[in-house]
């Protein structure tokens, strides 16, 4: 089924809107995207605000969960790969795009997008924000927009490519499972041995080197003492960026 789009001039959060529809019994079909020209309460990971700008992409879609599927949390890898493939297709050339655990897509080590995965019962909502035309200034974090790599992509044309790539990744996720998904993610991610620091939800900071991921997608962090720590949730920073 081709993707369907609903575009609103302004809303608080496209993720919150879709979650509200699901709770009211009006879950949209898969392939549906709610896209906003402006968000006044956009959210990122761990409750952060997501700052938008005119011409940027802000949208959310729904995935219906079922038995015998990979863990719902692994949809963050599928979404990151969909966005990765979209950037390559839209810009038409390599631009230093890499993936960072768990679902960041970077250009030249700078953040230009955000992915937020939330679950409501048998449904997952995936929200994606992309700096197409402009990037906010965030203290202590390198950011950029796609407009810094060439002409800013048209928002609606970008949405069509992203929606089709997301459809493809969902089909692969269901048919082939998590292992090949993680293999493709690792091929596009920062290399093994890359220096990382991880801030967990309690504020503890660990520094080490990237040692891949576990079979279920958790981060493996090699510490200076030789211990390999498995990280299931946290903020990751590439050292030197």
Foldseek 3Di string as FASTA:
>chain_A
DAAAEDEEAEEAAQLVVQLVCVVVVNHDDFSYKYWYQYHNHYAAPPGHGDDDDGQWTKMKGKDFADPPFADPVLVLLLLLVLVVVLLCVQLVHDQQWAADPPRFIDGPQAGFKGWDWDDDPRMIMIIIIGQQPADDDDPPGGHDHCVVVPNRDGRVVSVSSSSVSSVVSVVCRGPPHDVVSQVVNQVRHDDWFFWKWWQFPVRDIAIATFDGADSSGWTWGQHPVRDTDTHDDTDMHGPPD
